């Protein structure tokens, strides 16, 4: 289960422990009707993760290879845009 507030994502693991993550950005794929959240642990900013999320606060791993490749492309485009805006 997860809770999304502002730019934070609080993930509760199977043991009931809460982990605070920072949201980098979200993305919605209209044709698939899925929403994706890109996030990282503030103590490990280099390790960005992406998961499918629902409005009910559920997170799901991306298991389809084609879908995962598309999400990687979206992340790559995001990084390129960030690099352009810092120049």
PDB file of N, CA and C in Angstrom:
ATOM      1  N   UNK A   1       0.846  -1.175   0.000  1.00  0.00           N
ATOM      2  CA  UNK A   1       0.000   0.000   0.000  1.00  0.00           C
ATOM      3  C   UNK A   1       0.890   1.236   0.000  1.00  0.00           C
ATOM      4  N   UNK A   2       0.417   2.295  -0.638  1.00  0.00           N
ATOM      5  CA  UNK A   2       1.186   3.527  -0.717  1.00  0.00           C
ATOM      6  C   UNK A   2       0.255   4.719  -0.546  1.00  0.00           C
ATOM      7  N   UNK A   3       0.850   5.789  -0.112  1.00  0.00           N
ATOM      8  CA  UNK A   3       0.116   7.041   0.049  1.00  0.00           C
ATOM      9  C   UNK A   3       0.904   8.122  -0.670  1.00  0.00           C
ATOM     10  N   UNK A   4       0.244   8.831  -1.584  1.00  0.00           N
ATOM     11  CA  UNK A   4       0.905   9.880  -2.340  1.00  0.00           C
ATOM     12  C   UNK A   4       0.409  11.229  -1.830  1.00  0.00           C
ATOM     13  N   UNK A   5       1.363  12.060  -1.374  1.00  0.00           N
ATOM     14  CA  UNK A   5       1.055  13.403  -0.916  1.00  0.00           C
ATOM     15  C   UNK A   5       2.105  14.340  -1.472  1.00  0.00           C
ATOM     16  N   UNK A   6       1.671  15.396  -2.123  1.00  0.00           N
ATOM     17  CA  UNK A   6       2.594  16.367  -2.706  1.00  0.00           C
ATOM     18  C   UNK A   6       3.654  15.632  -3.526  1.00  0.00           C
ATOM     19  N   UNK A   7       4.903  15.769  -3.162  1.00  0.00           N
ATOM     20  CA  UNK A   7       5.980  15.081  -3.887  1.00  0.00           C
ATOM     21  C   UNK A   7       6.530  13.913  -3.100  1.00  0.00           C
ATOM     22  N   UNK A   8       5.726  13.380  -2.189  1.00  0.00           N
ATOM     23  CA  UNK A   8       6.177  12.268  -1.365  1.00  0.00           C
ATOM     24  C   UNK A   8       5.317  11.032  -1.590  1.00  0.00           C
ATOM     25  N   UNK A   9       5.959   9.913  -1.448  1.00  0.00           N
ATOM     26  CA  UNK A   9       5.298   8.622  -1.565  1.00  0.00           C
ATOM     27  C   UNK A   9       5.683   7.835  -0.319  1.00  0.00           C
ATOM     28  N   UNK A  10       4.683   7.454   0.451  1.00  0.00           N
ATOM     29  CA  UNK A  10       4.942   6.666   1.646  1.00  0.00           C
ATOM     30  C   UNK A  10       4.513   5.242   1.346  1.00  0.00           C
ATOM     31  N   UNK A  11       5.491   4.345   1.358  1.00  0.00           N
ATOM     32  CA  UNK A  11       5.239   2.941   1.050  1.00  0.00           C
ATOM     33  C   UNK A  11       5.240   2.153   2.351  1.00  0.00           C
ATOM     34  N   UNK A  12       4.189   1.385   2.553  1.00  0.00           N
ATOM     35  CA  UNK A  12       4.121   0.494   3.709  1.00  0.00           C
ATOM     36  C   UNK A  12       4.424  -0.918   3.229  1.00  0.00           C
ATOM     37  N   UNK A  13       5.481  -1.508   3.794  1.00  0.00           N
ATOM     38  CA  UNK A  13       5.864  -2.848   3.357  1.00  0.00           C
ATOM     39  C   UNK A  13       5.033  -3.920   4.061  1.00  0.00           C
ATOM     40  N   UNK A  14       5.334  -5.174   3.743  1.00  0.00           N
ATOM     41  CA  UNK A  14       4.550  -6.289   4.278  1.00  0.00           C
ATOM     42  C   UNK A  14       4.658  -6.425   5.793  1.00  0.00           C
ATOM     43  N   UNK A  15       5.679  -5.805   6.397  1.00  0.00           N
ATOM     44  CA  UNK A  15       5.845  -5.862   7.850  1.00  0.00           C
ATOM     45  C   UNK A  15       5.238  -4.650   8.560  1.00  0.00           C
ATOM     46  N   UNK A  16       4.606  -3.773   7.782  1.00  0.00           N
ATOM     47  CA  UNK A  16       3.991  -2.582   8.366  1.00  0.00           C
ATOM     48  C   UNK A  16       4.940  -1.410   8.515  1.00  0.00           C
ATOM     49  N   UNK A  17       6.182  -1.551   8.040  1.00  0.00           N
ATOM     50  CA  UNK A  17       7.154  -0.465   8.118  1.00  0.00           C
ATOM     51  C   UNK A  17       6.873   0.545   7.009  1.00  0.00           C
ATOM     52  N   UNK A  18       6.965   1.828   7.345  1.00  0.00           N
ATOM     53  CA  UNK A  18       6.726   2.884   6.358  1.00  0.00           C
ATOM     54  C   UNK A  18       8.060   3.415   5.856  1.00  0.00           C
ATOM     55  N   UNK A  19       8.114   3.628   4.540  1.00  0.00           N
ATOM     56  CA  UNK A  19       9.317   4.136   3.891  1.00  0.00           C
ATOM     57  C   UNK A  19       8.940   5.388   3.113  1.00  0.00           C
ATOM     58  N   UNK A  20       9.614   6.489   3.401  1.00  0.00           N
ATOM     59  CA  UNK A  20       9.348   7.748   2.722  1.00  0.00           C
ATOM     60  C   UNK A  20      10.200   7.835   1.465  1.00  0.00           C
ATOM     61  N   UNK A  21       9.547   8.000   0.334  1.00  0.00           N
ATOM     62  CA  UNK A  21      10.224   8.147  -0.951  1.00  0.00           C
ATOM     63  C   UNK A  21       9.872   9.524  -1.516  1.00  0.00           C
ATOM     64  N   UNK A  22      10.703  10.005  -2.405  1.00  0.00           N
ATOM     65  CA  UNK A  22      10.443  11.281  -3.060  1.00  0.00           C
ATOM     66  C   UNK A  22      10.015  11.011  -4.503  1.00  0.00           C
ATOM     67  N   UNK A  23       8.925  11.644  -4.913  1.00  0.00           N
ATOM     68  CA  UNK A  23       8.420  11.464  -6.274  1.00  0.00           C
ATOM     69  C   UNK A  23       9.180  12.386  -7.218  1.00  0.00           C
ATOM     70  N   UNK A  24       9.701  11.799  -8.273  1.00  0.00           N
ATOM     71  CA  UNK A  24      10.385  12.564  -9.307  1.00  0.00           C
ATOM     72  C   UNK A  24       9.352  13.133 -10.277  1.00  0.00           C
ATOM     73  N   UNK A  25       8.470  12.256 -10.780  1.00  0.00           N
ATOM     74  CA  UNK A  25       7.352  12.681 -11.617  1.00  0.00           C
ATOM     75  C   UNK A  25       6.399  11.514 -11.821  1.00  0.00           C
ATOM     76  N   UNK A  26       5.223  11.832 -12.322  1.00  0.00           N
ATOM     77  CA  UNK A  26       4.241  10.801 -12.661  1.00  0.00           C
ATOM     78  C   UNK A  26       3.929  10.919 -14.148  1.00  0.00           C
ATOM     79  N   UNK A  27       3.419   9.832 -14.690  1.00  0.00           N
ATOM     80  CA  UNK A  27       3.138   9.746 -16.128  1.00  0.00           C
ATOM     81  C   UNK A  27       1.898   8.884 -16.308  1.00  0.00           C
ATOM     82  N   UNK A  28       1.010   9.325 -17.186  1.00  0.00           N
ATOM     83  CA  UNK A  28      -0.192   8.542 -17.464  1.00  0.00           C
ATOM     84  C   UNK A  28      -0.207   8.139 -18.929  1.00  0.00           C
ATOM     85  N   UNK A  29      -0.431   6.858 -19.171  1.00  0.00           N
ATOM     86  CA  UNK A  29      -0.518   6.333 -20.531  1.00  0.00           C
ATOM     87  C   UNK A  29      -1.997   6.207 -20.866  1.00  0.00           C
ATOM     88  N   UNK A  30      -2.488   7.079 -21.713  1.00  0.00           N
ATOM     89  CA  UNK A  30      -3.905   7.127 -22.031  1.00  0.00           C
ATOM     90  C   UNK A  30      -4.462   5.860 -22.645  1.00  0.00           C
ATOM     91  N   UNK A  31      -3.747   5.270 -23.588  1.00  0.00           N
ATOM     92  CA  UNK A  31      -4.244   4.074 -24.264  1.00  0.00           C
ATOM     93  C   UNK A  31      -4.329   2.872 -23.327  1.00  0.00           C
ATOM     94  N   UNK A  32      -3.340   2.728 -22.457  1.00  0.00           N
ATOM     95  CA  UNK A  32      -3.345   1.616 -21.512  1.00  0.00           C
ATOM     96  C   UNK A  32      -4.235   1.901 -20.306  1.00  0.00           C
ATOM     97  N   UNK A  33      -4.469   3.186 -20.058  1.00  0.00           N
ATOM     98  CA  UNK A  33      -5.242   3.552 -18.879  1.00  0.00           C
ATOM     99  C   UNK A  33      -4.476   3.292 -17.592  1.00  0.00           C
ATOM    100  N   UNK A  34      -3.150   3.393 -17.660  1.00  0.00           N
ATOM    101  CA  UNK A  34      -2.314   3.149 -16.483  1.00  0.00           C
ATOM    102  C   UNK A  34      -1.559   4.409 -16.111  1.00  0.00           C
ATOM    103  N   UNK A  35      -1.285   4.520 -14.813  1.00  0.00           N
ATOM    104  CA  UNK A  35      -0.505   5.631 -14.286  1.00  0.00           C
ATOM    105  C   UNK A  35       0.789   5.074 -13.721  1.00  0.00           C
ATOM    106  N   UNK A  36       1.863   5.809 -13.925  1.00  0.00           N
ATOM    107  CA  UNK A  36       3.180   5.391 -13.473  1.00  0.00           C
ATOM    108  C   UNK A  36       3.756   6.473 -12.565  1.00  0.00           C
ATOM    109  N   UNK A  37       4.450   6.034 -11.544  1.00  0.00           N
ATOM    110  CA  UNK A  37       5.126   6.967 -10.652  1.00  0.00           C
ATOM    111  C   UNK A  37       6.614   6.620 -10.657  1.00  0.00           C
ATOM    112  N   UNK A  38       7.441   7.649 -10.812  1.00  0.00           N
ATOM    113  CA  UNK A  38       8.894   7.517 -10.787  1.00  0.00           C
ATOM    114  C   UNK A  38       9.346   8.121  -9.466  1.00  0.00           C
ATOM    115  N   UNK A  39      10.060   7.351  -8.659  1.00  0.00           N
ATOM    116  CA  UNK A  39      10.404   7.808  -7.323  1.00  0.00           C
ATOM    117  C   UNK A  39      11.759   7.266  -6.887  1.00  0.00           C
ATOM    118  N   UNK A  40      12.275   7.822  -5.780  1.00  0.00           N
ATOM    119  CA  UNK A  40      13.561   7.379  -5.256  1.00  0.00           C
ATOM    120  C   UNK A  40      13.591   7.581  -3.752  1.00  0.00           C
ATOM    121  N   UNK A  41      14.480   6.839  -3.123  1.00  0.00           N
ATOM    122  CA  UNK A  41      14.747   6.985  -1.697  1.00  0.00           C
ATOM    123  C   UNK A  41      15.668   8.202  -1.557  1.00  0.00           C
ATOM    124  N   UNK A  42      15.308   9.198  -0.746  1.00  0.00           N
ATOM    125  CA  UNK A  42      16.163  10.388  -0.608  1.00  0.00           C
ATOM    126  C   UNK A  42      17.599  10.081  -0.176  1.00  0.00           C
ATOM    127  N   UNK A  43      17.833   8.933   0.441  1.00  0.00           N
ATOM    128  CA  UNK A  43      19.199   8.573   0.828  1.00  0.00           C
ATOM    129  C   UNK A  43      19.960   7.896  -0.316  1.00  0.00           C
ATOM    130  N   UNK A  44      19.272   7.643  -1.436  1.00  0.00           N
ATOM    131  CA  UNK A  44      19.883   6.994  -2.606  1.00  0.00           C
ATOM    132  C   UNK A  44      19.271   7.594  -3.869  1.00  0.00           C
ATOM    133  N   UNK A  45      19.585   8.846  -4.146  1.00  0.00           N
ATOM    134  CA  UNK A  45      18.953   9.584  -5.243  1.00  0.00           C
ATOM    135  C   UNK A  45      19.277   9.041  -6.622  1.00  0.00           C
ATOM    136  N   UNK A  46      20.318   8.241  -6.737  1.00  0.00           N
ATOM    137  CA  UNK A  46      20.723   7.695  -8.039  1.00  0.00           C
ATOM    138  C   UNK A  46      19.854   6.526  -8.486  1.00  0.00           C
ATOM    139  N   UNK A  47      19.140   5.904  -7.573  1.00  0.00           N
ATOM    140  CA  UNK A  47      18.364   4.702  -7.873  1.00  0.00           C
ATOM    141  C   UNK A  47      16.888   5.064  -8.029  1.00  0.00           C
ATOM    142  N   UNK A  48      16.488   5.421  -9.236  1.00  0.00           N
ATOM    143  CA  UNK A  48      15.096   5.792  -9.506  1.00  0.00           C
ATOM    144  C   UNK A  48      14.310   4.528  -9.854  1.00  0.00           C
ATOM    145  N   UNK A  49      13.151   4.391  -9.244  1.00  0.00           N
ATOM    146  CA  UNK A  49      12.276   3.251  -9.493  1.00  0.00           C
ATOM    147  C   UNK A  49      10.999   3.743 -10.160  1.00  0.00           C
ATOM    148  N   UNK A  50      10.354   2.857 -10.902  1.00  0.00           N
ATOM    149  CA  UNK A  50       9.078   3.179 -11.537  1.00  0.00           C
ATOM    150  C   UNK A  50       8.111   2.038 -11.273  1.00  0.00           C
ATOM    151  N   UNK A  51       6.886   2.411 -10.946  1.00  0.00           N
ATOM    152  CA  UNK A  51       5.851   1.416 -10.707  1.00  0.00           C
ATOM    153  C   UNK A  51       4.522   1.947 -11.231  1.00  0.00           C
ATOM    154  N   UNK A  52       3.598   1.044 -11.445  1.00  0.00           N
ATOM    155  CA  UNK A  52       2.233   1.406 -11.795  1.00  0.00           C
ATOM    156  C   UNK A  52       1.524   1.748 -10.488  1.00  0.00           C
ATOM    157  N   UNK A  53       0.699   2.800 -10.495  1.00  0.00           N
ATOM    158  CA  UNK A  53      -0.067   3.111  -9.294  1.00  0.00           C
ATOM    159  C   UNK A  53      -1.531   3.340  -9.631  1.00  0.00           C
ATOM    160  N   UNK A  54      -2.364   3.147  -8.628  1.00  0.00           N
ATOM    161  CA  UNK A  54      -3.798   3.391  -8.786  1.00  0.00           C
ATOM    162  C   UNK A  54      -4.206   4.523  -7.857  1.00  0.00           C
ATOM    163  N   UNK A  55      -5.383   5.075  -8.108  1.00  0.00           N
ATOM    164  CA  UNK A  55      -5.890   6.141  -7.249  1.00  0.00           C
ATOM    165  C   UNK A  55      -6.165   5.650  -5.832  1.00  0.00           C
ATOM    166  N   UNK A  56      -6.272   4.332  -5.654  1.00  0.00           N
ATOM    167  CA  UNK A  56      -6.518   3.746  -4.337  1.00  0.00           C
ATOM    168  C   UNK A  56      -5.235   3.563  -3.532  1.00  0.00           C
ATOM    169  N   UNK A  57      -4.090   3.941  -4.109  1.00  0.00           N
ATOM    170  CA  UNK A  57      -2.826   3.826  -3.390  1.00  0.00           C
ATOM    171  C   UNK A  57      -2.139   2.487  -3.538  1.00  0.00           C
ATOM    172  N   UNK A  58      -2.537   1.727  -4.536  1.00  0.00           N
ATOM    173  CA  UNK A  58      -1.880   0.442  -4.766  1.00  0.00           C
ATOM    174  C   UNK A  58      -0.742   0.629  -5.759  1.00  0.00           C
ATOM    175  N   UNK A  59       0.362  -0.061  -5.518  1.00  0.00           N
ATOM    176  CA  UNK A  59       1.511  -0.047  -6.422  1.00  0.00           C
ATOM    177  C   UNK A  59       1.700  -1.439  -7.003  1.00  0.00           C
ATOM    178  N   UNK A  60       2.056  -1.475  -8.280  1.00  0.00           N
ATOM    179  CA  UNK A  60       2.298  -2.745  -8.966  1.00  0.00           C
ATOM    180  C   UNK A  60       3.584  -2.649  -9.757  1.00  0.00           C
ATOM    181  N   UNK A  61       4.340  -3.736  -9.752  1.00  0.00           N
ATOM    182  CA  UNK A  61       5.555  -3.783 -10.562  1.00  0.00           C
ATOM    183  C   UNK A  61       5.185  -3.853 -12.033  1.00  0.00           C
ATOM    184  N   UNK A  62       6.057  -3.321 -12.868  1.00  0.00           N
ATOM    185  CA  UNK A  62       5.884  -3.388 -14.317  1.00  0.00           C
ATOM    186  C   UNK A  62       6.487  -4.710 -14.768  1.00  0.00           C
ATOM    187  N   UNK A  63       5.647  -5.612 -15.233  1.00  0.00           N
ATOM    188  CA  UNK A  63       6.117  -6.954 -15.574  1.00  0.00           C
ATOM    189  C   UNK A  63       6.232  -7.203 -17.071  1.00  0.00           C
ATOM    190  N   UNK A  64       5.537  -6.436 -17.888  1.00  0.00           N
ATOM    191  CA  UNK A  64       5.563  -6.609 -19.330  1.00  0.00           C
ATOM    192  C   UNK A  64       6.806  -5.926 -19.906  1.00  0.00           C
ATOM    193  N   UNK A  65       7.609  -6.656 -20.681  1.00  0.00           N
ATOM    194  CA  UNK A  65       8.853  -6.118 -21.232  1.00  0.00           C
ATOM    195  C   UNK A  65       8.621  -4.894 -22.113  1.00  0.00           C
ATOM    196  N   UNK A  66       7.621  -4.963 -22.972  1.00  0.00           N
ATOM    197  CA  UNK A  66       7.326  -3.833 -23.868  1.00  0.00           C
ATOM    198  C   UNK A  66       6.920  -2.602 -23.060  1.00  0.00           C
ATOM    199  N   UNK A  67       6.117  -2.804 -22.065  1.00  0.00           N
ATOM    200  CA  UNK A  67       5.678  -1.709 -21.200  1.00  0.00           C
ATOM    201  C   UNK A  67       6.872  -1.117 -20.444  1.00  0.00           C
ATOM    202  N   UNK A  68       7.759  -1.987 -19.958  1.00  0.00           N
ATOM    203  CA  UNK A  68       8.941  -1.529 -19.228  1.00  0.00           C
ATOM    204  C   UNK A  68       9.861  -0.703 -20.131  1.00  0.00           C
ATOM    205  N   UNK A  69      10.040  -1.148 -21.367  1.00  0.00           N
ATOM    206  CA  UNK A  69      10.874  -0.399 -22.319  1.00  0.00           C
ATOM    207  C   UNK A  69      10.293   0.986 -22.571  1.00  0.00           C
ATOM    208  N   UNK A  70       8.979   1.059 -22.682  1.00  0.00           N
ATOM    209  CA  UNK A  70       8.331   2.360 -22.899  1.00  0.00           C
ATOM    210  C   UNK A  70       8.543   3.278 -21.691  1.00  0.00           C
ATOM    211  N   UNK A  71       8.432   2.725 -20.509  1.00  0.00           N
ATOM    212  CA  UNK A  71       8.649   3.511 -19.296  1.00  0.00           C
ATOM    213  C   UNK A  71      10.091   4.001 -19.236  1.00  0.00           C
ATOM    214  N   UNK A  72      11.037   3.167 -19.642  1.00  0.00           N
ATOM    215  CA  UNK A  72      12.441   3.591 -19.704  1.00  0.00           C
ATOM    216  C   UNK A  72      12.623   4.746 -20.692  1.00  0.00           C
ATOM    217  N   UNK A  73      11.925   4.693 -21.823  1.00  0.00           N
ATOM    218  CA  UNK A  73      11.996   5.782 -22.809  1.00  0.00           C
ATOM    219  C   UNK A  73      11.437   7.076 -22.231  1.00  0.00           C
ATOM    220  N   UNK A  74      10.338   6.986 -21.501  1.00  0.00           N
ATOM    221  CA  UNK A  74       9.750   8.165 -20.867  1.00  0.00           C
ATOM    222  C   UNK A  74      10.740   8.755 -19.867  1.00  0.00           C
ATOM    223  N   UNK A  75      11.386   7.895 -19.085  1.00  0.00           N
ATOM    224  CA  UNK A  75      12.374   8.365 -18.118  1.00  0.00           C
ATOM    225  C   UNK A  75      13.555   9.020 -18.836  1.00  0.00           C
ATOM    226  N   UNK A  76      14.023   8.403 -19.918  1.00  0.00           N
ATOM    227  CA  UNK A  76      15.121   8.978 -20.695  1.00  0.00           C
ATOM    228  C   UNK A  76      14.780  10.360 -21.234  1.00  0.00           C
ATOM    229  N   UNK A  77      13.568  10.522 -21.733  1.00  0.00           N
ATOM    230  CA  UNK A  77      13.120  11.823 -22.238  1.00  0.00           C
ATOM    231  C   UNK A  77      13.061  12.843 -21.105  1.00  0.00           C
ATOM    232  N   UNK A  78      12.621  12.414 -19.943  1.00  0.00           N
ATOM    233  CA  UNK A  78      12.571  13.300 -18.776  1.00  0.00           C
ATOM    234  C   UNK A  78      13.973  13.791 -18.417  1.00  0.00           C
ATOM    235  N   UNK A  79      14.941  12.862 -18.392  1.00  0.00           N
ATOM    236  CA  UNK A  79      16.323  13.214 -18.056  1.00  0.00           C
ATOM    237  C   UNK A  79      16.887  14.189 -19.088  1.00  0.00           C
ATOM    238  N   UNK A  80      16.641  13.922 -20.366  1.00  0.00           N
ATOM    239  CA  UNK A  80      17.122  14.827 -21.424  1.00  0.00           C
ATOM    240  C   UNK A  80      16.543  16.229 -21.240  1.00  0.00           C
ATOM    241  N   UNK A  81      15.265  16.313 -20.933  1.00  0.00           N
ATOM    242  CA  UNK A  81      14.609  17.606 -20.739  1.00  0.00           C
ATOM    243  C   UNK A  81      15.206  18.338 -19.534  1.00  0.00           C
ATOM    244  N   UNK A  82      15.497  17.587 -18.470  1.00  0.00           N
ATOM    245  CA  UNK A  82      16.117  18.193 -17.279  1.00  0.00           C
ATOM    246  C   UNK A  82      17.505  18.728 -17.602  1.00  0.00           C
ATOM    247  N   UNK A  83      18.266  17.979 -18.391  1.00  0.00           N
ATOM    248  CA  UNK A  83      19.615  18.414 -18.758  1.00  0.00           C
ATOM    249  C   UNK A  83      19.567  19.665 -19.621  1.00  0.00           C
ATOM    250  N   UNK A  84      18.611  19.740 -20.517  1.00  0.00           N
ATOM    251  CA  UNK A  84      18.461  20.931 -21.375  1.00  0.00           C
ATOM    252  C   UNK A  84      18.116  22.149 -20.546  1.00  0.00           C
ATOM    253  N   UNK A  85      17.255  21.970 -19.553  1.00  0.00           N
ATOM    254  CA  UNK A  85      16.817  23.125 -18.757  1.00  0.00           C
ATOM    255  C   UNK A  85      17.876  23.623 -17.784  1.00  0.00           C
ATOM    256  N   UNK A  86      18.920  22.814 -17.515  1.00  0.00           N
ATOM    257  CA  UNK A  86      19.987  23.260 -16.616  1.00  0.00           C
ATOM    258  C   UNK A  86      21.148  23.882 -17.369  1.00  0.00           C
ATOM    259  N   UNK A  87      21.092  23.874 -18.688  1.00  0.00           N
ATOM    260  CA  UNK A  87      22.192  24.460 -19.477  1.00  0.00           C
ATOM    261  C   UNK A  87      21.969  25.932 -19.690  1.00  0.00           C
TER     262      UNK A  87
END
